[in-house]
Amino acid sequence: MPIDAYSEGMNFVQAAVHSQVGPFGPLFITVSIFLFAFSSLQYGPKTGPDLYRAAARSLGSAPERTVVFEDALHAARSAKRAGFLVAGVYDPSAEEDQEALRCLCDWYLPRLDSPDFLAALERG
C-alpha cells in the first residue's frame, strides 16, 4: 500500500539531518502528508527517550500504544526502555545487529512494506 494511503494522522521522527537519510529519502519528498516532525537536533540523540516521548505527546498517545519503527539497535533499545512498542526494520548496513534487533522488538520487518505486518495492523 502506498504511504499516502496511511496519511491521515501519520507522523515521523527524524534522527538524521536530511543529507543522511539515504534509502528513506522518498519519505521526505512526501513530507506534506505528515502533521509534524521531530529531529534529534531538537530533542537529543535516540540513545535517550526524549525524542520518542515528545512525539507521543504530540500524537496524544501513550508510549504503550505507540509504535516506533527503528533500524538502529541502540535507538530500538531506547524506545523499548521508554515503554514503546517497537518494530525493528532490517538495515543491511547493520547486518551484525539484526539478530539482536529481531529479539528485542515486538515486530521485525525485513522491509517497511512487509505484507504480514501491514495485515496485522489492519486486523488491529
PDB file of N, CA and C in Angstrom:
ATOM      1  N   MET A   1       0.845  -1.176   0.000  1.00  0.00           N
ATOM      2  CA  MET A   1       0.000   0.000   0.000  1.00  0.00           C
ATOM      3  C   MET A   1       0.894   1.245   0.000  1.00  0.00           C
ATOM      4  N   PRO A   2       0.606   2.224  -0.823  1.00  0.00           N
ATOM      5  CA  PRO A   2       1.444   3.428  -0.852  1.00  0.00           C
ATOM      6  C   PRO A   2       1.360   4.196   0.463  1.00  0.00           C
ATOM      7  N   ILE A   3       2.436   4.900   0.779  1.00  0.00           N
ATOM      8  CA  ILE A   3       2.490   5.602   2.056  1.00  0.00           C
ATOM      9  C   ILE A   3       1.362   6.604   2.220  1.00  0.00           C
ATOM     10  N   ASP A   4       0.893   7.246   1.132  1.00  0.00           N
ATOM     11  CA  ASP A   4      -0.164   8.229   1.301  1.00  0.00           C
ATOM     12  C   ASP A   4      -1.505   7.590   1.629  1.00  0.00           C
ATOM     13  N   ALA A   5      -1.620   6.262   1.534  1.00  0.00           N
ATOM     14  CA  ALA A   5      -2.846   5.590   1.960  1.00  0.00           C
ATOM     15  C   ALA A   5      -2.986   5.648   3.481  1.00  0.00           C
ATOM     16  N   TYR A   6      -1.878   5.859   4.172  1.00  0.00           N
ATOM     17  CA  TYR A   6      -1.888   5.949   5.626  1.00  0.00           C
ATOM     18  C   TYR A   6      -1.742   7.393   6.095  1.00  0.00           C
ATOM     19  N   SER A   7      -2.028   8.347   5.243  1.00  0.00           N
ATOM     20  CA  SER A   7      -1.668   9.729   5.510  1.00  0.00           C
ATOM     21  C   SER A   7      -2.426  10.385   6.655  1.00  0.00           C
ATOM     22  N   GLU A   8      -3.623   9.997   6.934  1.00  0.00           N
ATOM     23  CA  GLU A   8      -4.364  10.685   7.980  1.00  0.00           C
ATOM     24  C   GLU A   8      -3.740  10.403   9.343  1.00  0.00           C
ATOM     25  N   GLY A   9      -3.220  11.453   9.971  1.00  0.00           N
ATOM     26  CA  GLY A   9      -2.647  11.324  11.297  1.00  0.00           C
ATOM     27  C   GLY A   9      -1.261  10.718  11.340  1.00  0.00           C
ATOM     28  N   MET A  10      -0.610  10.554  10.215  1.00  0.00           N
ATOM     29  CA  MET A  10       0.735   9.986  10.210  1.00  0.00           C
ATOM     30  C   MET A  10       1.765  11.011  10.647  1.00  0.00           C
ATOM     31  N   ASN A  11       2.775  10.558  11.332  1.00  0.00           N
ATOM     32  CA  ASN A  11       3.835  11.438  11.797  1.00  0.00           C
ATOM     33  C   ASN A  11       5.148  10.688  11.768  1.00  0.00           C
ATOM     34  N   PHE A  12       6.236  11.416  11.833  1.00  0.00           N
ATOM     35  CA  PHE A  12       7.520  10.742  11.853  1.00  0.00           C
ATOM     36  C   PHE A  12       8.503  11.506  12.715  1.00  0.00           C
ATOM     37  N   VAL A  13       9.522  10.786  13.138  1.00  0.00           N
ATOM     38  CA  VAL A  13      10.618  11.360  13.911  1.00  0.00           C
ATOM     39  C   VAL A  13      11.879  11.154  13.095  1.00  0.00           C
ATOM     40  N   GLN A  14      12.632  12.190  12.884  1.00  0.00           N
ATOM     41  CA  GLN A  14      13.870  12.109  12.104  1.00  0.00           C
ATOM     42  C   GLN A  14      15.052  12.286  13.033  1.00  0.00           C
ATOM     43  N   ALA A  15      15.982  11.350  12.996  1.00  0.00           N
ATOM     44  CA  ALA A  15      17.166  11.449  13.849  1.00  0.00           C
ATOM     45  C   ALA A  15      18.394  11.845  13.065  1.00  0.00           C
ATOM     46  N   ALA A  16      18.270  11.977  11.776  1.00  0.00           N
ATOM     47  CA  ALA A  16      19.415  12.331  10.927  1.00  0.00           C
ATOM     48  C   ALA A  16      19.118  13.643  10.214  1.00  0.00           C
ATOM     49  N   VAL A  17      20.154  14.328   9.851  1.00  0.00           N
ATOM     50  CA  VAL A  17      19.939  15.505   9.013  1.00  0.00           C
ATOM     51  C   VAL A  17      19.533  15.020   7.630  1.00  0.00           C
ATOM     52  N   HIS A  18      18.871  15.846   6.872  1.00  0.00           N
ATOM     53  CA  HIS A  18      18.295  15.440   5.592  1.00  0.00           C
ATOM     54  C   HIS A  18      19.309  14.732   4.684  1.00  0.00           C
ATOM     55  N   SER A  19      20.532  15.188   4.657  1.00  0.00           N
ATOM     56  CA  SER A  19      21.533  14.584   3.770  1.00  0.00           C
ATOM     57  C   SER A  19      21.944  13.183   4.200  1.00  0.00           C
ATOM     58  N   GLN A  20      21.569  12.754   5.412  1.00  0.00           N
ATOM     59  CA  GLN A  20      21.928  11.427   5.902  1.00  0.00           C
ATOM     60  C   GLN A  20      20.802  10.415   5.749  1.00  0.00           C
ATOM     61  N   VAL A  21      19.703  10.787   5.160  1.00  0.00           N
ATOM     62  CA  VAL A  21      18.520   9.942   5.133  1.00  0.00           C
ATOM     63  C   VAL A  21      18.692   8.678   4.305  1.00  0.00           C
ATOM     64  N   GLY A  22      19.460   8.724   3.237  1.00  0.00           N
ATOM     65  CA  GLY A  22      19.748   7.540   2.442  1.00  0.00           C
ATOM     66  C   GLY A  22      18.522   6.931   1.802  1.00  0.00           C
ATOM     67  N   PRO A  23      18.290   5.600   1.988  1.00  0.00           N
ATOM     68  CA  PRO A  23      17.213   4.921   1.277  1.00  0.00           C
ATOM     69  C   PRO A  23      15.817   5.373   1.700  1.00  0.00           C
ATOM     70  N   PHE A  24      15.702   6.109   2.799  1.00  0.00           N
ATOM     71  CA  PHE A  24      14.391   6.559   3.252  1.00  0.00           C
ATOM     72  C   PHE A  24      14.052   7.932   2.693  1.00  0.00           C
ATOM     73  N   GLY A  25      14.872   8.448   1.800  1.00  0.00           N
ATOM     74  CA  GLY A  25      14.657   9.754   1.191  1.00  0.00           C
ATOM     75  C   GLY A  25      13.258   9.986   0.657  1.00  0.00           C
ATOM     76  N   PRO A  26      12.618   9.012  -0.008  1.00  0.00           N
ATOM     77  CA  PRO A  26      11.275   9.257  -0.547  1.00  0.00           C
ATOM     78  C   PRO A  26      10.254   9.692   0.503  1.00  0.00           C
ATOM     79  N   LEU A  27      10.445   9.295   1.754  1.00  0.00           N
ATOM     80  CA  LEU A  27       9.522   9.744   2.800  1.00  0.00           C
ATOM     81  C   LEU A  27       9.548  11.256   2.944  1.00  0.00           C
ATOM     82  N   PHE A  28      10.682  11.856   2.705  1.00  0.00           N
ATOM     83  CA  PHE A  28      10.809  13.288   2.900  1.00  0.00           C
ATOM     84  C   PHE A  28      10.299  14.076   1.699  1.00  0.00           C
ATOM     85  N   ILE A  29      10.180  13.432   0.577  1.00  0.00           N
ATOM     86  CA  ILE A  29       9.562  14.070  -0.584  1.00  0.00           C
ATOM     87  C   ILE A  29       8.073  14.254  -0.314  1.00  0.00           C
ATOM     88  N   THR A  30       7.466  13.318   0.392  1.00  0.00           N
ATOM     89  CA  THR A  30       6.031  13.381   0.687  1.00  0.00           C
ATOM     90  C   THR A  30       5.761  13.936   2.077  1.00  0.00           C
ATOM     91  N   VAL A  31       6.667  14.742   2.589  1.00  0.00           N
ATOM     92  CA  VAL A  31       6.545  15.243   3.955  1.00  0.00           C
ATOM     93  C   VAL A  31       5.249  16.014   4.186  1.00  0.00           C
ATOM     94  N   SER A  32       4.614  16.506   3.150  1.00  0.00           N
ATOM     95  CA  SER A  32       3.379  17.272   3.321  1.00  0.00           C
ATOM     96  C   SER A  32       2.237  16.426   3.885  1.00  0.00           C
ATOM     97  N   ILE A  33       2.335  15.093   3.814  1.00  0.00           N
ATOM     98  CA  ILE A  33       1.261  14.272   4.376  1.00  0.00           C
ATOM     99  C   ILE A  33       1.372  14.136   5.886  1.00  0.00           C
ATOM    100  N   PHE A  34       2.502  14.553   6.468  1.00  0.00           N
ATOM    101  CA  PHE A  34       2.697  14.413   7.894  1.00  0.00           C
ATOM    102  C   PHE A  34       2.207  15.650   8.633  1.00  0.00           C
ATOM    103  N   LEU A  35       1.692  15.442   9.824  1.00  0.00           N
ATOM    104  CA  LEU A  35       1.197  16.549  10.633  1.00  0.00           C
ATOM    105  C   LEU A  35       2.317  17.305  11.321  1.00  0.00           C
ATOM    106  N   PHE A  36       3.375  16.593  11.713  1.00  0.00           N
ATOM    107  CA  PHE A  36       4.523  17.217  12.361  1.00  0.00           C
ATOM    108  C   PHE A  36       5.720  16.295  12.266  1.00  0.00           C
ATOM    109  N   ALA A  37       6.889  16.838  12.561  1.00  0.00           N
ATOM    110  CA  ALA A  37       8.124  16.068  12.515  1.00  0.00           C
ATOM    111  C   ALA A  37       9.012  16.481  13.673  1.00  0.00           C
ATOM    112  N   PHE A  38       9.826  15.562  14.136  1.00  0.00           N
ATOM    113  CA  PHE A  38      10.762  15.815  15.224  1.00  0.00           C
ATOM    114  C   PHE A  38      12.163  15.446  14.759  1.00  0.00           C
ATOM    115  N   SER A  39      13.147  16.066  15.342  1.00  0.00           N
ATOM    116  CA  SER A  39      14.526  15.803  14.972  1.00  0.00           C
ATOM    117  C   SER A  39      15.375  15.640  16.227  1.00  0.00           C
ATOM    118  N   SER A  40      16.410  14.822  16.099  1.00  0.00           N
ATOM    119  CA  SER A  40      17.345  14.672  17.213  1.00  0.00           C
ATOM    120  C   SER A  40      18.093  15.978  17.455  1.00  0.00           C
ATOM    121  N   LEU A  41      18.088  16.846  16.474  1.00  0.00           N
ATOM    122  CA  LEU A  41      18.695  18.162  16.680  1.00  0.00           C
ATOM    123  C   LEU A  41      17.902  18.966  17.709  1.00  0.00           C
ATOM    124  N   GLN A  42      16.608  18.693  17.821  1.00  0.00           N
ATOM    125  CA  GLN A  42      15.754  19.364  18.812  1.00  0.00           C
ATOM    126  C   GLN A  42      15.768  18.656  20.163  1.00  0.00           C
ATOM    127  N   TYR A  43      15.686  17.325  20.151  1.00  0.00           N
ATOM    128  CA  TYR A  43      15.434  16.564  21.375  1.00  0.00           C
ATOM    129  C   TYR A  43      16.572  15.675  21.832  1.00  0.00           C
ATOM    130  N   GLY A  44      17.693  15.729  21.160  1.00  0.00           N
ATOM    131  CA  GLY A  44      18.825  14.902  21.559  1.00  0.00           C
ATOM    132  C   GLY A  44      18.814  13.564  20.854  1.00  0.00           C
ATOM    133  N   PRO A  45      19.892  12.817  21.006  1.00  0.00           N
ATOM    134  CA  PRO A  45      20.047  11.550  20.282  1.00  0.00           C
ATOM    135  C   PRO A  45      19.038  10.494  20.718  1.00  0.00           C
ATOM    136  N   LYS A  46      18.873   9.515  19.843  1.00  0.00           N
ATOM    137  CA  LYS A  46      17.922   8.442  20.127  1.00  0.00           C
ATOM    138  C   LYS A  46      18.486   7.413  21.101  1.00  0.00           C
ATOM    139  N   THR A  47      19.581   7.720  21.754  1.00  0.00           N
ATOM    140  CA  THR A  47      20.069   6.868  22.839  1.00  0.00           C
ATOM    141  C   THR A  47      19.273   7.161  24.105  1.00  0.00           C
ATOM    142  N   GLY A  48      18.477   8.203  24.087  1.00  0.00           N
ATOM    143  CA  GLY A  48      17.606   8.557  25.204  1.00  0.00           C
ATOM    144  C   GLY A  48      16.162   8.633  24.733  1.00  0.00           C
ATOM    145  N   PRO A  49      15.209   8.744  25.661  1.00  0.00           N
ATOM    146  CA  PRO A  49      13.795   8.671  25.311  1.00  0.00           C
ATOM    147  C   PRO A  49      13.122   9.992  24.941  1.00  0.00           C
ATOM    148  N   ASP A  50      13.805  11.125  25.075  1.00  0.00           N
ATOM    149  CA  ASP A  50      13.136  12.424  24.932  1.00  0.00           C
ATOM    150  C   ASP A  50      12.459  12.620  23.576  1.00  0.00           C
ATOM    151  N   LEU A  51      13.125  12.240  22.520  1.00  0.00           N
ATOM    152  CA  LEU A  51      12.579  12.396  21.176  1.00  0.00           C
ATOM    153  C   LEU A  51      11.296  11.582  21.016  1.00  0.00           C
ATOM    154  N   TYR A  52      11.305  10.343  21.470  1.00  0.00           N
ATOM    155  CA  TYR A  52      10.131   9.479  21.361  1.00  0.00           C
ATOM    156  C   TYR A  52       8.983   9.997  22.231  1.00  0.00           C
ATOM    157  N   ARG A  53       9.311  10.425  23.432  1.00  0.00           N
ATOM    158  CA  ARG A  53       8.267  10.935  24.332  1.00  0.00           C
ATOM    159  C   ARG A  53       7.620  12.197  23.785  1.00  0.00           C
ATOM    160  N   ALA A  54       8.414  13.077  23.192  1.00  0.00           N
ATOM    161  CA  ALA A  54       7.861  14.302  22.605  1.00  0.00           C
ATOM    162  C   ALA A  54       6.907  13.961  21.458  1.00  0.00           C
ATOM    163  N   ALA A  55       7.287  13.011  20.638  1.00  0.00           N
ATOM    164  CA  ALA A  55       6.420  12.604  19.528  1.00  0.00           C
ATOM    165  C   ALA A  55       5.118  12.004  20.043  1.00  0.00           C
ATOM    166  N   ALA A  56       5.196  11.148  21.061  1.00  0.00           N
ATOM    167  CA  ALA A  56       3.988  10.539  21.620  1.00  0.00           C
ATOM    168  C   ALA A  56       3.073  11.603  22.225  1.00  0.00           C
ATOM    169  N   ARG A  57       3.664  12.565  22.926  1.00  0.00           N
ATOM    170  CA  ARG A  57       2.844  13.670  23.486  1.00  0.00           C
ATOM    171  C   ARG A  57       2.108  14.406  22.374  1.00  0.00           C
ATOM    172  N   SER A  58       2.788  14.704  21.296  1.00  0.00           N
ATOM    173  CA  SER A  58       2.156  15.422  20.190  1.00  0.00           C
ATOM    174  C   SER A  58       1.063  14.594  19.529  1.00  0.00           C
ATOM    175  N   LEU A  59       1.239  13.287  19.533  1.00  0.00           N
ATOM    176  CA  LEU A  59       0.207  12.397  18.997  1.00  0.00           C
ATOM    177  C   LEU A  59      -0.969  12.236  19.955  1.00  0.00           C
ATOM    178  N   GLY A  60      -0.746  12.585  21.223  1.00  0.00           N
ATOM    179  CA  GLY A  60      -1.765  12.327  22.228  1.00  0.00           C
ATOM    180  C   GLY A  60      -1.871  10.843  22.516  1.00  0.00           C
ATOM    181  N   SER A  61      -0.756  10.149  22.384  1.00  0.00           N
ATOM    182  CA  SER A  61      -0.724   8.699  22.503  1.00  0.00           C
ATOM    183  C   SER A  61       0.231   8.281  23.616  1.00  0.00           C
ATOM    184  N   ALA A  62      -0.178   7.305  24.394  1.00  0.00           N
ATOM    185  CA  ALA A  62       0.688   6.752  25.428  1.00  0.00           C
ATOM    186  C   ALA A  62       1.773   5.900  24.772  1.00  0.00           C
ATOM    187  N   PRO A  63       2.964   5.863  25.350  1.00  0.00           N
ATOM    188  CA  PRO A  63       4.034   5.038  24.761  1.00  0.00           C
ATOM    189  C   PRO A  63       3.609   3.599  24.483  1.00  0.00           C
ATOM    190  N   GLU A  64       2.880   2.999  25.381  1.00  0.00           N
ATOM    191  CA  GLU A  64       2.492   1.593  25.197  1.00  0.00           C
ATOM    192  C   GLU A  64       1.476   1.393  24.074  1.00  0.00           C
ATOM    193  N   ARG A  65       0.993   2.491  23.483  1.00  0.00           N
ATOM    194  CA  ARG A  65       0.063   2.415  22.349  1.00  0.00           C
ATOM    195  C   ARG A  65       0.659   3.070  21.100  1.00  0.00           C
ATOM    196  N   THR A  66       1.961   3.280  21.113  1.00  0.00           N
ATOM    197  CA  THR A  66       2.649   3.962  20.019  1.00  0.00           C
ATOM    198  C   THR A  66       3.735   3.047  19.457  1.00  0.00           C
ATOM    199  N   VAL A  67       3.743   2.862  18.152  1.00  0.00           N
ATOM    200  CA  VAL A  67       4.750   2.015  17.512  1.00  0.00           C
ATOM    201  C   VAL A  67       5.883   2.883  16.978  1.00  0.00           C
ATOM    202  N   VAL A  68       7.093   2.544  17.375  1.00  0.00           N
ATOM    203  CA  VAL A  68       8.309   3.186  16.880  1.00  0.00           C
ATOM    204  C   VAL A  68       8.941   2.225  15.870  1.00  0.00           C
ATOM    205  N   PHE A  69       9.220   2.708  14.669  1.00  0.00           N
ATOM    206  CA  PHE A  69       9.899   1.918  13.643  1.00  0.00           C
ATOM    207  C   PHE A  69      11.368   2.286  13.701  1.00  0.00           C
ATOM    208  N   GLU A  70      12.215   1.298  13.925  1.00  0.00           N
ATOM    209  CA  GLU A  70      13.651   1.560  14.096  1.00  0.00           C
ATOM    210  C   GLU A  70      14.492   0.565  13.338  1.00  0.00           C
ATOM    211  N   ASP A  71      15.558   1.065  12.728  1.00  0.00           N
ATOM    212  CA  ASP A  71      16.537   0.175  12.097  1.00  0.00           C
ATOM    213  C   ASP A  71      17.847   0.161  12.879  1.00  0.00           C
ATOM    214  N   ALA A  72      17.960   1.011  13.880  1.00  0.00           N
ATOM    215  CA  ALA A  72      19.179   1.092  14.687  1.00  0.00           C
ATOM    216  C   ALA A  72      18.941   0.431  16.047  1.00  0.00           C
ATOM    217  N   LEU A  73      19.777  -0.523  16.381  1.00  0.00           N
ATOM    218  CA  LEU A  73      19.619  -1.271  17.625  1.00  0.00           C
ATOM    219  C   LEU A  73      19.641  -0.362  18.848  1.00  0.00           C
ATOM    220  N   HIS A  74      20.588   0.575  18.933  1.00  0.00           N
ATOM    221  CA  HIS A  74      20.671   1.450  20.107  1.00  0.00           C
ATOM    222  C   HIS A  74      19.388   2.273  20.271  1.00  0.00           C
ATOM    223  N   ALA A  75      18.801   2.711  19.182  1.00  0.00           N
ATOM    224  CA  ALA A  75      17.574   3.504  19.241  1.00  0.00           C
ATOM    225  C   ALA A  75      16.375   2.627  19.607  1.00  0.00           C
ATOM    226  N   ALA A  76      16.333   1.414  19.075  1.00  0.00           N
ATOM    227  CA  ALA A  76      15.252   0.484  19.433  1.00  0.00           C
ATOM    228  C   ALA A  76      15.295   0.172  20.927  1.00  0.00           C
ATOM    229  N   ARG A  77      16.492   0.019  21.471  1.00  0.00           N
ATOM    230  CA  ARG A  77      16.625  -0.232  22.918  1.00  0.00           C
ATOM    231  C   ARG A  77      16.075   0.946  23.726  1.00  0.00           C
ATOM    232  N   SER A  78      16.391   2.165  23.291  1.00  0.00           N
ATOM    233  CA  SER A  78      15.906   3.360  23.995  1.00  0.00           C
ATOM    234  C   SER A  78      14.390   3.432  23.974  1.00  0.00           C
ATOM    235  N   ALA A  79      13.804   3.202  22.814  1.00  0.00           N
ATOM    236  CA  ALA A  79      12.346   3.250  22.690  1.00  0.00           C
ATOM    237  C   ALA A  79      11.697   2.160  23.540  1.00  0.00           C
ATOM    238  N   LYS A  80      12.264   0.980  23.513  1.00  0.00           N
ATOM    239  CA  LYS A  80      11.713  -0.148  24.291  1.00  0.00           C
ATOM    240  C   LYS A  80      11.804   0.149  25.788  1.00  0.00           C
ATOM    241  N   ARG A  81      12.956   0.659  26.250  1.00  0.00           N
ATOM    242  CA  ARG A  81      13.112   1.009  27.674  1.00  0.00           C
ATOM    243  C   ARG A  81      12.118   2.075  28.098  1.00  0.00           C
ATOM    244  N   ALA A  82      11.734   2.948  27.176  1.00  0.00           N
ATOM    245  CA  ALA A  82      10.778   4.019  27.483  1.00  0.00           C
ATOM    246  C   ALA A  82       9.332   3.533  27.402  1.00  0.00           C
ATOM    247  N   GLY A  83       9.122   2.253  27.092  1.00  0.00           N
ATOM    248  CA  GLY A  83       7.781   1.679  27.117  1.00  0.00           C
ATOM    249  C   GLY A  83       7.037   1.679  25.794  1.00  0.00           C
ATOM    250  N   PHE A  84       7.719   1.976  24.699  1.00  0.00           N
ATOM    251  CA  PHE A  84       7.074   1.996  23.390  1.00  0.00           C
ATOM    252  C   PHE A  84       7.035   0.607  22.777  1.00  0.00           C
ATOM    253  N   LEU A  85       6.071   0.382  21.903  1.00  0.00           N
ATOM    254  CA  LEU A  85       6.086  -0.786  21.039  1.00  0.00           C
ATOM    255  C   LEU A  85       7.106  -0.496  19.950  1.00  0.00           C
ATOM    256  N   VAL A  86       7.888  -1.496  19.562  1.00  0.00           N
ATOM    257  CA  VAL A  86       8.954  -1.244  18.592  1.00  0.00           C
ATOM    258  C   VAL A  86       8.882  -2.255  17.455  1.00  0.00           C
ATOM    259  N   ALA A  87       8.898  -1.709  16.232  1.00  0.00           N
ATOM    260  CA  ALA A  87       9.001  -2.529  15.027  1.00  0.00           C
ATOM    261  C   ALA A  87      10.415  -2.348  14.500  1.00  0.00           C
ATOM    262  N   GLY A  88      11.204  -3.406  14.567  1.00  0.00           N
ATOM    263  CA  GLY A  88      12.560  -3.363  14.035  1.00  0.00           C
ATOM    264  C   GLY A  88      12.514  -3.501  12.522  1.00  0.00           C
ATOM    265  N   VAL A  89      13.302  -2.699  11.833  1.00  0.00           N
ATOM    266  CA  VAL A  89      13.325  -2.701  10.374  1.00  0.00           C
ATOM    267  C   VAL A  89      14.732  -3.079   9.902  1.00  0.00           C
ATOM    268  N   TYR A  90      14.801  -4.059   9.031  1.00  0.00           N
ATOM    269  CA  TYR A  90      16.082  -4.533   8.509  1.00  0.00           C
ATOM    270  C   TYR A  90      16.884  -3.406   7.881  1.00  0.00           C
ATOM    271  N   ASP A  91      18.166  -3.381   8.199  1.00  0.00           N
ATOM    272  CA  ASP A  91      19.096  -2.423   7.597  1.00  0.00           C
ATOM    273  C   ASP A  91      20.362  -3.185   7.221  1.00  0.00           C
ATOM    274  N   PRO A  92      20.635  -3.318   5.934  1.00  0.00           N
ATOM    275  CA  PRO A  92      21.811  -4.097   5.520  1.00  0.00           C
ATOM    276  C   PRO A  92      23.132  -3.514   6.019  1.00  0.00           C
ATOM    277  N   SER A  93      23.159  -2.238   6.345  1.00  0.00           N
ATOM    278  CA  SER A  93      24.415  -1.655   6.832  1.00  0.00           C
ATOM    279  C   SER A  93      24.694  -2.025   8.287  1.00  0.00           C
ATOM    280  N   ALA A  94      23.713  -2.608   8.961  1.00  0.00           N
ATOM    281  CA  ALA A  94      23.888  -3.043  10.345  1.00  0.00           C
ATOM    282  C   ALA A  94      23.584  -4.542  10.466  1.00  0.00           C
ATOM    283  N   GLU A  95      24.092  -5.298   9.527  1.00  0.00           N
ATOM    284  CA  GLU A  95      23.825  -6.740   9.475  1.00  0.00           C
ATOM    285  C   GLU A  95      24.145  -7.431  10.808  1.00  0.00           C
ATOM    286  N   GLU A  96      25.231  -7.015  11.453  1.00  0.00           N
ATOM    287  CA  GLU A  96      25.648  -7.662  12.704  1.00  0.00           C
ATOM    288  C   GLU A  96      24.662  -7.438  13.857  1.00  0.00           C
ATOM    289  N   ASP A  97      23.763  -6.455  13.746  1.00  0.00           N
ATOM    290  CA  ASP A  97      22.790  -6.158  14.805  1.00  0.00           C
ATOM    291  C   ASP A  97      21.417  -6.769  14.559  1.00  0.00           C
ATOM    292  N   GLN A  98      21.215  -7.389  13.417  1.00  0.00           N
ATOM    293  CA  GLN A  98      19.865  -7.812  13.042  1.00  0.00           C
ATOM    294  C   GLN A  98      19.277  -8.865  13.973  1.00  0.00           C
ATOM    295  N   GLU A  99      20.055  -9.815  14.428  1.00  0.00           N
ATOM    296  CA  GLU A  99      19.503 -10.843  15.332  1.00  0.00           C
ATOM    297  C   GLU A  99      19.087 -10.228  16.665  1.00  0.00           C
ATOM    298  N   ALA A 100      19.907  -9.341  17.207  1.00  0.00           N
ATOM    299  CA  ALA A 100      19.545  -8.663  18.463  1.00  0.00           C
ATOM    300  C   ALA A 100      18.312  -7.788  18.271  1.00  0.00           C
ATOM    301  N   LEU A 101      18.215  -7.119  17.133  1.00  0.00           N
ATOM    302  CA  LEU A 101      17.047  -6.289  16.837  1.00  0.00           C
ATOM    303  C   LEU A 101      15.796  -7.155  16.755  1.00  0.00           C
ATOM    304  N   ARG A 102      15.928  -8.294  16.099  1.00  0.00           N
ATOM    305  CA  ARG A 102      14.809  -9.235  15.965  1.00  0.00           C
ATOM    306  C   ARG A 102      14.330  -9.714  17.349  1.00  0.00           C
ATOM    307  N   CYS A 103      15.245 -10.000  18.243  1.00  0.00           N
ATOM    308  CA  CYS A 103      14.895 -10.490  19.582  1.00  0.00           C
ATOM    309  C   CYS A 103      14.288  -9.397  20.462  1.00  0.00           C
ATOM    310  N   LEU A 104      14.754  -8.185  20.311  1.00  0.00           N
ATOM    311  CA  LEU A 104      14.314  -7.073  21.147  1.00  0.00           C
ATOM    312  C   LEU A 104      12.927  -6.559  20.793  1.00  0.00           C
ATOM    313  N   CYS A 105      12.631  -6.497  19.514  1.00  0.00           N
ATOM    314  CA  CYS A 105      11.447  -5.777  19.038  1.00  0.00           C
ATOM    315  C   CYS A 105      10.169  -6.604  19.107  1.00  0.00           C
ATOM    316  N   ASP A 106       9.056  -5.892  19.146  1.00  0.00           N
ATOM    317  CA  ASP A 106       7.738  -6.536  19.131  1.00  0.00           C
ATOM    318  C   ASP A 106       7.446  -7.139  17.759  1.00  0.00           C
ATOM    319  N   TRP A 107       7.955  -6.502  16.711  1.00  0.00           N
ATOM    320  CA  TRP A 107       7.859  -6.979  15.342  1.00  0.00           C
ATOM    321  C   TRP A 107       9.216  -6.785  14.690  1.00  0.00           C
ATOM    322  N   TYR A 108       9.515  -7.602  13.697  1.00  0.00           N
ATOM    323  CA  TYR A 108      10.728  -7.414  12.907  1.00  0.00           C
ATOM    324  C   TYR A 108      10.320  -7.428  11.449  1.00  0.00           C
ATOM    325  N   LEU A 109      10.670  -6.380  10.728  1.00  0.00           N
ATOM    326  CA  LEU A 109      10.264  -6.234   9.338  1.00  0.00           C
ATOM    327  C   LEU A 109      11.471  -6.348   8.413  1.00  0.00           C
ATOM    328  N   PRO A 110      11.457  -7.300   7.517  1.00  0.00           N
ATOM    329  CA  PRO A 110      12.546  -7.392   6.550  1.00  0.00           C
ATOM    330  C   PRO A 110      12.532  -6.199   5.587  1.00  0.00           C
ATOM    331  N   ARG A 111      11.378  -5.543   5.480  1.00  0.00           N
ATOM    332  CA  ARG A 111      11.235  -4.318   4.689  1.00  0.00           C
ATOM    333  C   ARG A 111      10.027  -3.546   5.222  1.00  0.00           C
ATOM    334  N   LEU A 112      10.001  -2.257   4.964  1.00  0.00           N
ATOM    335  CA  LEU A 112       8.951  -1.405   5.525  1.00  0.00           C
ATOM    336  C   LEU A 112       7.554  -1.764   5.043  1.00  0.00           C
ATOM    337  N   ASP A 113       7.433  -2.293   3.856  1.00  0.00           N
ATOM    338  CA  ASP A 113       6.106  -2.632   3.339  1.00  0.00           C
ATOM    339  C   ASP A 113       5.800  -4.124   3.501  1.00  0.00           C
ATOM    340  N   SER A 114       6.283  -4.710   4.581  1.00  0.00           N
ATOM    341  CA  SER A 114       6.069  -6.123   4.858  1.00  0.00           C
ATOM    342  C   SER A 114       4.569  -6.460   4.868  1.00  0.00           C
ATOM    343  N   PRO A 115       4.106  -7.319   3.968  1.00  0.00           N
ATOM    344  CA  PRO A 115       2.679  -7.642   3.898  1.00  0.00           C
ATOM    345  C   PRO A 115       2.127  -8.233   5.189  1.00  0.00           C
ATOM    346  N   ASP A 116       2.910  -9.064   5.874  1.00  0.00           N
ATOM    347  CA  ASP A 116       2.432  -9.668   7.122  1.00  0.00           C
ATOM    348  C   ASP A 116       2.186  -8.607   8.185  1.00  0.00           C
ATOM    349  N   PHE A 117       3.098  -7.648   8.298  1.00  0.00           N
ATOM    350  CA  PHE A 117       2.938  -6.591   9.291  1.00  0.00           C
ATOM    351  C   PHE A 117       1.762  -5.699   8.942  1.00  0.00           C
ATOM    352  N   LEU A 118       1.627  -5.317   7.684  1.00  0.00           N
ATOM    353  CA  LEU A 118       0.519  -4.466   7.279  1.00  0.00           C
ATOM    354  C   LEU A 118      -0.823  -5.162   7.529  1.00  0.00           C
ATOM    355  N   ALA A 119      -0.879  -6.464   7.283  1.00  0.00           N
ATOM    356  CA  ALA A 119      -2.112  -7.218   7.538  1.00  0.00           C
ATOM    357  C   ALA A 119      -2.421  -7.249   9.036  1.00  0.00           C
ATOM    358  N   ALA A 120      -1.390  -7.408   9.860  1.00  0.00           N
ATOM    359  CA  ALA A 120      -1.584  -7.402  11.318  1.00  0.00           C
ATOM    360  C   ALA A 120      -2.115  -6.057  11.789  1.00  0.00           C
ATOM    361  N   LEU A 121      -1.610  -4.973  11.228  1.00  0.00           N
ATOM    362  CA  LEU A 121      -2.100  -3.641  11.581  1.00  0.00           C
ATOM    363  C   LEU A 121      -3.564  -3.467  11.199  1.00  0.00           C
ATOM    364  N   GLU A 122      -3.927  -3.941  10.039  1.00  0.00           N
ATOM    365  CA  GLU A 122      -5.305  -3.816   9.590  1.00  0.00           C
ATOM    366  C   GLU A 122      -6.260  -4.627  10.453  1.00  0.00           C
ATOM    367  N   ARG A 123      -5.792  -5.768  10.981  1.00  0.00           N
ATOM    368  CA  ARG A 123      -6.621  -6.598  11.867  1.00  0.00           C
ATOM    369  C   ARG A 123      -6.785  -5.953  13.231  1.00  0.00           C
ATOM    370  N   GLY A 124      -5.843  -5.069  13.567  1.00  0.00           N
ATOM    371  CA  GLY A 124      -5.904  -4.400  14.868  1.00  0.00           C
ATOM    372  C   GLY A 124      -5.122  -5.138  15.850  1.00  0.00           C
TER     373      GLY A 124
END
